[in-house]
């Protein structure tokens, strides 16, 4: 642990850095003044304000992404002390020091802690995770959902595409094209929508292609790591059932 005297207390951080997408990663240590209730974003901002490493050498500021700072946008996902999570809600006072910060390894690194989430967004495109509309004019109130259905659909809608579930999933890596739990759960969400269910079969067919739901190994890491507590494994189980029924219907229609 760093100094415990209130006036001299410091925070030690070890940041995994990379100068570019083709660069080699390396660790750089920093020591910054302690402030109560500081989160990891605040620590990175302190390094940005005074980019000097623990050796006293001037260095480049650490690059990272953040936006809302209240665990809604999902932009500040990174690996903190070996756990993928949101930096905005990672409080320094609750972390073991030195605080080790690294980019998520599932996605290509652009620079330092900034990653390319293209894999996740392409998965959402593959399953058409949206409600198609005809034009942008006012169509009036849409069809109503039963309250019981709306409540669990709301839980699925909390997904902020942070990528933590993909980072924690052993089946999402450079050797596979598995779309990951987030996209599967979004299929369940949009297929439950009274308008979105018009494209239900299309989404299920997408899940039945290579890299779809069959890539899940049921490790259940995703549901344990999701910062929003989304029941991802429940969604995967539900979509397993739906794709099986879809397959049988296609066989019977031949």
C-alpha atoms as a PDB file:
ATOM      1  CA  UNK A   1       0.000   0.000   0.000  1.00  0.00           C
ATOM      2  CA  UNK A   2       1.132   3.572  -0.547  1.00  0.00           C
ATOM      3  CA  UNK A   3       1.935   6.080   2.210  1.00  0.00           C
ATOM      4  CA  UNK A   4      -0.728   6.167   4.933  1.00  0.00           C
ATOM      5  CA  UNK A   5      -0.037   9.674   6.295  1.00  0.00           C
ATOM      6  CA  UNK A   6      -2.994  11.789   5.214  1.00  0.00           C
ATOM      7  CA  UNK A   7      -0.949  14.694   3.809  1.00  0.00           C
ATOM      8  CA  UNK A   8       1.626  12.527   2.000  1.00  0.00           C
ATOM      9  CA  UNK A   9      -0.488   9.585   0.919  1.00  0.00           C
ATOM     10  CA  UNK A  10      -0.129   8.553  -2.706  1.00  0.00           C
ATOM     11  CA  UNK A  11      -1.718   6.132  -5.145  1.00  0.00           C
ATOM     12  CA  UNK A  12       0.372   3.729  -7.174  1.00  0.00           C
ATOM     13  CA  UNK A  13      -0.841   2.615 -10.591  1.00  0.00           C
ATOM     14  CA  UNK A  14       0.595   0.264 -13.193  1.00  0.00           C
ATOM     15  CA  UNK A  15      -0.883   1.006 -16.616  1.00  0.00           C
ATOM     16  CA  UNK A  16      -0.516  -1.302 -19.604  1.00  0.00           C
ATOM     17  CA  UNK A  17       0.192   1.000 -22.520  1.00  0.00           C
ATOM     18  CA  UNK A  18       0.504   0.700 -26.295  1.00  0.00           C
ATOM     19  CA  UNK A  19       1.620   3.535 -28.545  1.00  0.00           C
ATOM     20  CA  UNK A  20      -0.521   2.443 -31.492  1.00  0.00           C
ATOM     21  CA  UNK A  21      -2.509  -0.407 -32.969  1.00  0.00           C
ATOM     22  CA  UNK A  22       0.680  -2.012 -34.300  1.00  0.00           C
ATOM     23  CA  UNK A  23       2.816  -1.196 -31.268  1.00  0.00           C
ATOM     24  CA  UNK A  24       4.036  -3.475 -28.528  1.00  0.00           C
ATOM     25  CA  UNK A  25       2.403  -3.252 -25.116  1.00  0.00           C
ATOM     26  CA  UNK A  26       4.428  -2.254 -22.085  1.00  0.00           C
ATOM     27  CA  UNK A  27       3.763  -1.391 -18.447  1.00  0.00           C
ATOM     28  CA  UNK A  28       4.370   2.064 -17.019  1.00  0.00           C
ATOM     29  CA  UNK A  29       4.141   2.931 -13.330  1.00  0.00           C
ATOM     30  CA  UNK A  30       2.705   6.133 -11.907  1.00  0.00           C
ATOM     31  CA  UNK A  31       2.411   7.584  -8.440  1.00  0.00           C
ATOM     32  CA  UNK A  32      -0.120  10.336  -7.905  1.00  0.00           C
ATOM     33  CA  UNK A  33      -1.416  12.287  -4.877  1.00  0.00           C
ATOM     34  CA  UNK A  34      -4.240  10.623  -2.981  1.00  0.00           C
ATOM     35  CA  UNK A  35      -7.696  12.152  -2.823  1.00  0.00           C
ATOM     36  CA  UNK A  36     -10.640  10.615  -0.985  1.00  0.00           C
ATOM     37  CA  UNK A  37     -13.437   9.117  -3.100  1.00  0.00           C
ATOM     38  CA  UNK A  38     -11.326   9.157  -6.266  1.00  0.00           C
ATOM     39  CA  UNK A  39     -12.259   6.715  -9.012  1.00  0.00           C
ATOM     40  CA  UNK A  40      -9.971   5.276 -11.680  1.00  0.00           C
ATOM     41  CA  UNK A  41     -11.066   7.942 -14.174  1.00  0.00           C
ATOM     42  CA  UNK A  42     -10.014  10.605 -11.674  1.00  0.00           C
ATOM     43  CA  UNK A  43      -6.609   8.921 -11.324  1.00  0.00           C
ATOM     44  CA  UNK A  44      -6.149   8.867 -15.101  1.00  0.00           C
ATOM     45  CA  UNK A  45      -7.129  12.523 -15.269  1.00  0.00           C
ATOM     46  CA  UNK A  46      -4.464  13.305 -12.671  1.00  0.00           C
ATOM     47  CA  UNK A  47      -1.876  11.565 -14.891  1.00  0.00           C
ATOM     48  CA  UNK A  48      -3.175  13.552 -17.853  1.00  0.00           C
ATOM     49  CA  UNK A  49      -2.779  16.792 -15.889  1.00  0.00           C
ATOM     50  CA  UNK A  50       0.798  15.940 -14.947  1.00  0.00           C
ATOM     51  CA  UNK A  51       2.161  13.151 -17.215  1.00  0.00           C
ATOM     52  CA  UNK A  52       5.188  12.109 -15.176  1.00  0.00           C
ATOM     53  CA  UNK A  53       5.811   8.438 -14.369  1.00  0.00           C
ATOM     54  CA  UNK A  54       6.980   6.977 -11.061  1.00  0.00           C
ATOM     55  CA  UNK A  55      10.627   7.407 -12.133  1.00  0.00           C
ATOM     56  CA  UNK A  56      10.085  11.145 -12.466  1.00  0.00           C
ATOM     57  CA  UNK A  57      10.315  10.988 -16.260  1.00  0.00           C
ATOM     58  CA  UNK A  58       8.068  13.093 -18.481  1.00  0.00           C
ATOM     59  CA  UNK A  59       5.819  10.826 -20.551  1.00  0.00           C
ATOM     60  CA  UNK A  60       2.778  11.034 -22.806  1.00  0.00           C
ATOM     61  CA  UNK A  61      -0.651  11.208 -21.129  1.00  0.00           C
ATOM     62  CA  UNK A  62      -2.520   7.901 -20.932  1.00  0.00           C
ATOM     63  CA  UNK A  63      -5.313   7.604 -23.518  1.00  0.00           C
ATOM     64  CA  UNK A  64      -8.695   6.214 -22.452  1.00  0.00           C
ATOM     65  CA  UNK A  65     -12.376   6.615 -23.255  1.00  0.00           C
ATOM     66  CA  UNK A  66     -15.134   7.899 -20.986  1.00  0.00           C
ATOM     67  CA  UNK A  67     -18.350   9.827 -21.314  1.00  0.00           C
ATOM     68  CA  UNK A  68     -21.168   9.731 -18.781  1.00  0.00           C
ATOM     69  CA  UNK A  69     -19.111   8.889 -15.654  1.00  0.00           C
ATOM     70  CA  UNK A  70     -22.157   7.188 -14.103  1.00  0.00           C
ATOM     71  CA  UNK A  71     -22.056   3.659 -15.561  1.00  0.00           C
ATOM     72  CA  UNK A  72     -24.550   4.303 -18.354  1.00  0.00           C
ATOM     73  CA  UNK A  73     -22.544   4.785 -21.568  1.00  0.00           C
ATOM     74  CA  UNK A  74     -20.186   1.796 -21.215  1.00  0.00           C
ATOM     75  CA  UNK A  75     -17.285   3.695 -22.778  1.00  0.00           C
ATOM     76  CA  UNK A  76     -14.803   3.391 -19.910  1.00  0.00           C
ATOM     77  CA  UNK A  77     -14.575  -0.419 -19.839  1.00  0.00           C
ATOM     78  CA  UNK A  78     -11.105  -1.671 -18.962  1.00  0.00           C
ATOM     79  CA  UNK A  79      -9.440  -4.404 -16.939  1.00  0.00           C
ATOM     80  CA  UNK A  80      -8.780  -3.190 -13.400  1.00  0.00           C
ATOM     81  CA  UNK A  81      -6.820  -5.488 -11.084  1.00  0.00           C
ATOM     82  CA  UNK A  82      -7.576  -8.384 -13.409  1.00  0.00           C
ATOM     83  CA  UNK A  83     -11.334  -7.764 -13.616  1.00  0.00           C
ATOM     84  CA  UNK A  84     -13.137  -6.210 -16.600  1.00  0.00           C
ATOM     85  CA  UNK A  85     -15.328  -3.387 -15.317  1.00  0.00           C
ATOM     86  CA  UNK A  86     -16.238   0.285 -15.613  1.00  0.00           C
ATOM     87  CA  UNK A  87     -13.513   2.702 -14.532  1.00  0.00           C
ATOM     88  CA  UNK A  88     -16.046   5.329 -13.441  1.00  0.00           C
ATOM     89  CA  UNK A  89     -17.414   3.121 -10.661  1.00  0.00           C
ATOM     90  CA  UNK A  90     -14.065   1.621  -9.644  1.00  0.00           C
ATOM     91  CA  UNK A  91     -13.183   3.526  -6.474  1.00  0.00           C
ATOM     92  CA  UNK A  92      -9.505   3.720  -5.576  1.00  0.00           C
ATOM     93  CA  UNK A  93     -10.278   3.306  -1.855  1.00  0.00           C
ATOM     94  CA  UNK A  94     -11.732  -0.133  -2.580  1.00  0.00           C
ATOM     95  CA  UNK A  95      -8.913  -1.352  -4.840  1.00  0.00           C
ATOM     96  CA  UNK A  96      -5.740  -3.147  -3.861  1.00  0.00           C
ATOM     97  CA  UNK A  97      -2.577  -1.220  -4.721  1.00  0.00           C
ATOM     98  CA  UNK A  98      -0.772  -0.947  -6.959  1.00  0.00           C
ATOM     99  CA  UNK A  99      -3.863  -0.539  -9.094  1.00  0.00           C
ATOM    100  CA  UNK A 100      -3.211  -2.430 -12.325  1.00  0.00           C
ATOM    101  CA  UNK A 101      -5.050  -1.045 -15.350  1.00  0.00           C
ATOM    102  CA  UNK A 102      -5.082  -2.663 -18.796  1.00  0.00           C
ATOM    103  CA  UNK A 103      -7.206  -2.547 -21.951  1.00  0.00           C
ATOM    104  CA  UNK A 104      -9.709  -5.333 -22.575  1.00  0.00           C
ATOM    105  CA  UNK A 105      -7.898  -8.052 -24.525  1.00  0.00           C
ATOM    106  CA  UNK A 106     -10.908  -9.263 -26.523  1.00  0.00           C
ATOM    107  CA  UNK A 107     -10.825  -6.166 -28.719  1.00  0.00           C
ATOM    108  CA  UNK A 108      -7.978  -4.681 -30.792  1.00  0.00           C
ATOM    109  CA  UNK A 109      -6.115  -1.887 -29.013  1.00  0.00           C
ATOM    110  CA  UNK A 110      -6.056   1.489 -30.747  1.00  0.00           C
ATOM    111  CA  UNK A 111      -3.860   3.205 -28.174  1.00  0.00           C
ATOM    112  CA  UNK A 112      -3.255   2.575 -24.464  1.00  0.00           C
ATOM    113  CA  UNK A 113      -6.686   1.816 -22.965  1.00  0.00           C
ATOM    114  CA  UNK A 114      -8.675   2.773 -26.083  1.00  0.00           C
ATOM    115  CA  UNK A 115     -10.050  -0.267 -27.917  1.00  0.00           C
ATOM    116  CA  UNK A 116     -11.949  -0.976 -31.120  1.00  0.00           C
ATOM    117  CA  UNK A 117     -15.384  -2.424 -30.228  1.00  0.00           C
ATOM    118  CA  UNK A 118     -16.178  -3.164 -33.870  1.00  0.00           C
ATOM    119  CA  UNK A 119     -16.612  -6.882 -33.179  1.00  0.00           C
ATOM    120  CA  UNK A 120     -19.470  -6.199 -30.782  1.00  0.00           C
ATOM    121  CA  UNK A 121     -21.217  -3.663 -33.012  1.00  0.00           C
ATOM    122  CA  UNK A 122     -20.907  -5.961 -36.032  1.00  0.00           C
ATOM    123  CA  UNK A 123     -22.578  -8.696 -33.980  1.00  0.00           C
ATOM    124  CA  UNK A 124     -25.489  -6.348 -33.237  1.00  0.00           C
ATOM    125  CA  UNK A 125     -25.762  -5.558 -36.944  1.00  0.00           C
ATOM    126  CA  UNK A 126     -25.771  -9.264 -37.770  1.00  0.00           C
ATOM    127  CA  UNK A 127     -28.817  -9.908 -35.585  1.00  0.00           C
ATOM    128  CA  UNK A 128     -30.537  -6.611 -36.549  1.00  0.00           C
ATOM    129  CA  UNK A 129     -30.726  -5.378 -32.964  1.00  0.00           C
ATOM    130  CA  UNK A 130     -33.060  -2.496 -33.690  1.00  0.00           C
ATOM    131  CA  UNK A 131     -36.721  -1.764 -34.425  1.00  0.00           C
ATOM    132  CA  UNK A 132     -37.146  -0.958 -38.136  1.00  0.00           C
ATOM    133  CA  UNK A 133     -39.423   1.981 -38.916  1.00  0.00           C
ATOM    134  CA  UNK A 134     -40.872   3.346 -42.145  1.00  0.00           C
ATOM    135  CA  UNK A 135     -39.646   6.945 -42.266  1.00  0.00           C
ATOM    136  CA  UNK A 136     -39.144   9.393 -39.402  1.00  0.00           C
ATOM    137  CA  UNK A 137     -42.636  10.877 -39.181  1.00  0.00           C
ATOM    138  CA  UNK A 138     -44.791  10.499 -36.084  1.00  0.00           C
ATOM    139  CA  UNK A 139     -46.528   7.135 -36.133  1.00  0.00           C
ATOM    140  CA  UNK A 140     -48.355   7.706 -32.870  1.00  0.00           C
ATOM    141  CA  UNK A 141     -48.236   5.413 -29.842  1.00  0.00           C
ATOM    142  CA  UNK A 142     -47.215   1.875 -30.693  1.00  0.00           C
ATOM    143  CA  UNK A 143     -48.794  -1.354 -29.497  1.00  0.00           C
ATOM    144  CA  UNK A 144     -48.776  -1.834 -25.736  1.00  0.00           C
ATOM    145  CA  UNK A 145     -46.860  -4.545 -23.903  1.00  0.00           C
ATOM    146  CA  UNK A 146     -48.139  -6.505 -20.949  1.00  0.00           C
ATOM    147  CA  UNK A 147     -46.600  -5.133 -17.738  1.00  0.00           C
ATOM    148  CA  UNK A 148     -45.004  -8.455 -16.805  1.00  0.00           C
ATOM    149  CA  UNK A 149     -43.346  -8.624 -20.214  1.00  0.00           C
ATOM    150  CA  UNK A 150     -42.289  -5.002 -20.103  1.00  0.00           C
ATOM    151  CA  UNK A 151     -40.560  -5.438 -16.763  1.00  0.00           C
ATOM    152  CA  UNK A 152     -38.176  -8.190 -17.880  1.00  0.00           C
ATOM    153  CA  UNK A 153     -37.683  -6.522 -21.263  1.00  0.00           C
ATOM    154  CA  UNK A 154     -36.564  -3.402 -19.405  1.00  0.00           C
ATOM    155  CA  UNK A 155     -33.870  -5.425 -17.661  1.00  0.00           C
ATOM    156  CA  UNK A 156     -32.522  -6.531 -21.059  1.00  0.00           C
ATOM    157  CA  UNK A 157     -32.644  -2.949 -22.363  1.00  0.00           C
ATOM    158  CA  UNK A 158     -30.084  -1.868 -19.735  1.00  0.00           C
ATOM    159  CA  UNK A 159     -27.273  -3.183 -21.963  1.00  0.00           C
ATOM    160  CA  UNK A 160     -24.795  -0.359 -22.595  1.00  0.00           C
ATOM    161  CA  UNK A 161     -22.592  -2.250 -25.068  1.00  0.00           C
ATOM    162  CA  UNK A 162     -19.666  -1.951 -22.674  1.00  0.00           C
ATOM    163  CA  UNK A 163     -18.112  -5.220 -23.869  1.00  0.00           C
ATOM    164  CA  UNK A 164     -17.426  -6.583 -20.370  1.00  0.00           C
ATOM    165  CA  UNK A 165     -19.433  -9.752 -21.043  1.00  0.00           C
ATOM    166  CA  UNK A 166     -17.390 -10.428 -24.188  1.00  0.00           C
ATOM    167  CA  UNK A 167     -14.146  -9.837 -22.312  1.00  0.00           C
ATOM    168  CA  UNK A 168     -15.103 -12.333 -19.607  1.00  0.00           C
ATOM    169  CA  UNK A 169     -16.396 -14.980 -22.038  1.00  0.00           C
ATOM    170  CA  UNK A 170     -13.778 -17.678 -22.844  1.00  0.00           C
ATOM    171  CA  UNK A 171     -15.500 -18.372 -26.166  1.00  0.00           C
ATOM    172  CA  UNK A 172     -14.940 -14.836 -27.493  1.00  0.00           C
ATOM    173  CA  UNK A 173     -11.376 -14.601 -28.777  1.00  0.00           C
ATOM    174  CA  UNK A 174      -9.326 -14.115 -31.943  1.00  0.00           C
ATOM    175  CA  UNK A 175      -9.763 -17.802 -32.879  1.00  0.00           C
ATOM    176  CA  UNK A 176     -13.564 -17.722 -32.961  1.00  0.00           C
ATOM    177  CA  UNK A 177     -16.280 -15.606 -34.553  1.00  0.00           C
ATOM    178  CA  UNK A 178     -18.778 -16.121 -31.701  1.00  0.00           C
ATOM    179  CA  UNK A 179     -21.042 -13.069 -31.525  1.00  0.00           C
ATOM    180  CA  UNK A 180     -21.114 -13.124 -27.731  1.00  0.00           C
ATOM    181  CA  UNK A 181     -23.825 -12.902 -25.062  1.00  0.00           C
ATOM    182  CA  UNK A 182     -24.756  -9.228 -25.570  1.00  0.00           C
ATOM    183  CA  UNK A 183     -26.067  -9.736 -29.112  1.00  0.00           C
ATOM    184  CA  UNK A 184     -27.948 -12.909 -28.155  1.00  0.00           C
ATOM    185  CA  UNK A 185     -29.677 -11.100 -25.303  1.00  0.00           C
ATOM    186  CA  UNK A 186     -30.601  -8.244 -27.640  1.00  0.00           C
ATOM    187  CA  UNK A 187     -32.296 -10.715 -29.976  1.00  0.00           C
ATOM    188  CA  UNK A 188     -34.486 -11.760 -27.064  1.00  0.00           C
ATOM    189  CA  UNK A 189     -35.253  -8.108 -26.296  1.00  0.00           C
ATOM    190  CA  UNK A 190     -36.204  -7.045 -29.822  1.00  0.00           C
ATOM    191  CA  UNK A 191     -38.103 -10.261 -30.576  1.00  0.00           C
ATOM    192  CA  UNK A 192     -40.259  -9.545 -27.511  1.00  0.00           C
ATOM    193  CA  UNK A 193     -41.174  -6.081 -28.799  1.00  0.00           C
ATOM    194  CA  UNK A 194     -44.647  -5.966 -30.446  1.00  0.00           C
ATOM    195  CA  UNK A 195     -43.165  -4.244 -33.521  1.00  0.00           C
ATOM    196  CA  UNK A 196     -39.733  -5.832 -33.443  1.00  0.00           C
ATOM    197  CA  UNK A 197     -41.169  -9.344 -33.542  1.00  0.00           C
ATOM    198  CA  UNK A 198     -41.996  -8.780 -37.219  1.00  0.00           C
ATOM    199  CA  UNK A 199     -38.311  -9.584 -37.842  1.00  0.00           C
ATOM    200  CA  UNK A 200     -38.213 -12.392 -35.270  1.00  0.00           C
ATOM    201  CA  UNK A 201     -37.406 -15.213 -37.700  1.00  0.00           C
ATOM    202  CA  UNK A 202     -34.720 -13.148 -39.382  1.00  0.00           C
ATOM    203  CA  UNK A 203     -32.941 -12.615 -36.072  1.00  0.00           C
ATOM    204  CA  UNK A 204     -33.254 -16.265 -35.098  1.00  0.00           C
ATOM    205  CA  UNK A 205     -31.823 -17.303 -38.469  1.00  0.00           C
ATOM    206  CA  UNK A 206     -28.838 -15.035 -37.799  1.00  0.00           C
ATOM    207  CA  UNK A 207     -28.286 -16.791 -34.459  1.00  0.00           C
ATOM    208  CA  UNK A 208     -28.292 -20.147 -36.268  1.00  0.00           C
ATOM    209  CA  UNK A 209     -25.402 -19.256 -38.582  1.00  0.00           C
ATOM    210  CA  UNK A 210     -21.700 -19.856 -37.896  1.00  0.00           C
ATOM    211  CA  UNK A 211     -20.545 -17.851 -34.915  1.00  0.00           C
ATOM    212  CA  UNK A 212     -24.076 -17.710 -33.538  1.00  0.00           C
ATOM    213  CA  UNK A 213     -25.599 -19.187 -30.427  1.00  0.00           C
ATOM    214  CA  UNK A 214     -23.891 -22.558 -30.902  1.00  0.00           C
ATOM    215  CA  UNK A 215     -20.620 -20.883 -29.914  1.00  0.00           C
ATOM    216  CA  UNK A 216     -21.750 -20.473 -26.289  1.00  0.00           C
ATOM    217  CA  UNK A 217     -19.961 -22.854 -23.923  1.00  0.00           C
ATOM    218  CA  UNK A 218     -22.227 -22.021 -20.949  1.00  0.00           C
ATOM    219  CA  UNK A 219     -19.347 -20.836 -18.755  1.00  0.00           C
ATOM    220  CA  UNK A 220     -21.715 -18.232 -17.233  1.00  0.00           C
ATOM    221  CA  UNK A 221     -18.872 -15.729 -16.807  1.00  0.00           C
ATOM    222  CA  UNK A 222     -20.949 -13.142 -18.671  1.00  0.00           C
ATOM    223  CA  UNK A 223     -23.815 -12.968 -16.198  1.00  0.00           C
ATOM    224  CA  UNK A 224     -21.414 -12.762 -13.261  1.00  0.00           C
ATOM    225  CA  UNK A 225     -19.439  -9.886 -14.776  1.00  0.00           C
ATOM    226  CA  UNK A 226     -22.247  -7.782 -16.300  1.00  0.00           C
ATOM    227  CA  UNK A 227     -22.179  -4.388 -14.513  1.00  0.00           C
ATOM    228  CA  UNK A 228     -25.922  -3.923 -15.086  1.00  0.00           C
ATOM    229  CA  UNK A 229     -26.925  -7.346 -13.755  1.00  0.00           C
ATOM    230  CA  UNK A 230     -28.581  -8.390 -17.024  1.00  0.00           C
ATOM    231  CA  UNK A 231     -29.773 -12.050 -16.965  1.00  0.00           C
ATOM    232  CA  UNK A 232     -27.627 -13.006 -19.958  1.00  0.00           C
ATOM    233  CA  UNK A 233     -27.634 -16.759 -19.376  1.00  0.00           C
ATOM    234  CA  UNK A 234     -31.431 -16.711 -19.089  1.00  0.00           C
ATOM    235  CA  UNK A 235     -31.565 -14.977 -22.466  1.00  0.00           C
ATOM    236  CA  UNK A 236     -29.157 -17.487 -23.998  1.00  0.00           C
ATOM    237  CA  UNK A 237     -31.269 -20.377 -22.700  1.00  0.00           C
ATOM    238  CA  UNK A 238     -34.443 -18.770 -24.049  1.00  0.00           C
ATOM    239  CA  UNK A 239     -32.876 -18.185 -27.466  1.00  0.00           C
ATOM    240  CA  UNK A 240     -31.586 -21.767 -27.533  1.00  0.00           C
ATOM    241  CA  UNK A 241     -35.193 -22.879 -27.234  1.00  0.00           C
ATOM    242  CA  UNK A 242     -36.422 -20.412 -29.850  1.00  0.00           C
ATOM    243  CA  UNK A 243     -33.758 -21.348 -32.405  1.00  0.00           C
ATOM    244  CA  UNK A 244     -34.515 -25.055 -31.875  1.00  0.00           C
ATOM    245  CA  UNK A 245     -38.212 -24.466 -32.536  1.00  0.00           C
ATOM    246  CA  UNK A 246     -37.322 -22.329 -35.561  1.00  0.00           C
ATOM    247  CA  UNK A 247     -35.151 -25.146 -36.929  1.00  0.00           C
ATOM    248  CA  UNK A 248     -37.954 -27.697 -36.578  1.00  0.00           C
ATOM    249  CA  UNK A 249     -40.427 -25.365 -38.294  1.00  0.00           C
ATOM    250  CA  UNK A 250     -38.035 -24.923 -41.203  1.00  0.00           C
ATOM    251  CA  UNK A 251     -37.611 -28.686 -41.532  1.00  0.00           C
ATOM    252  CA  UNK A 252     -41.377 -29.248 -41.510  1.00  0.00           C
ATOM    253  CA  UNK A 253     -41.916 -26.579 -44.163  1.00  0.00           C
ATOM    254  CA  UNK A 254     -39.510 -28.226 -46.632  1.00  0.00           C
END
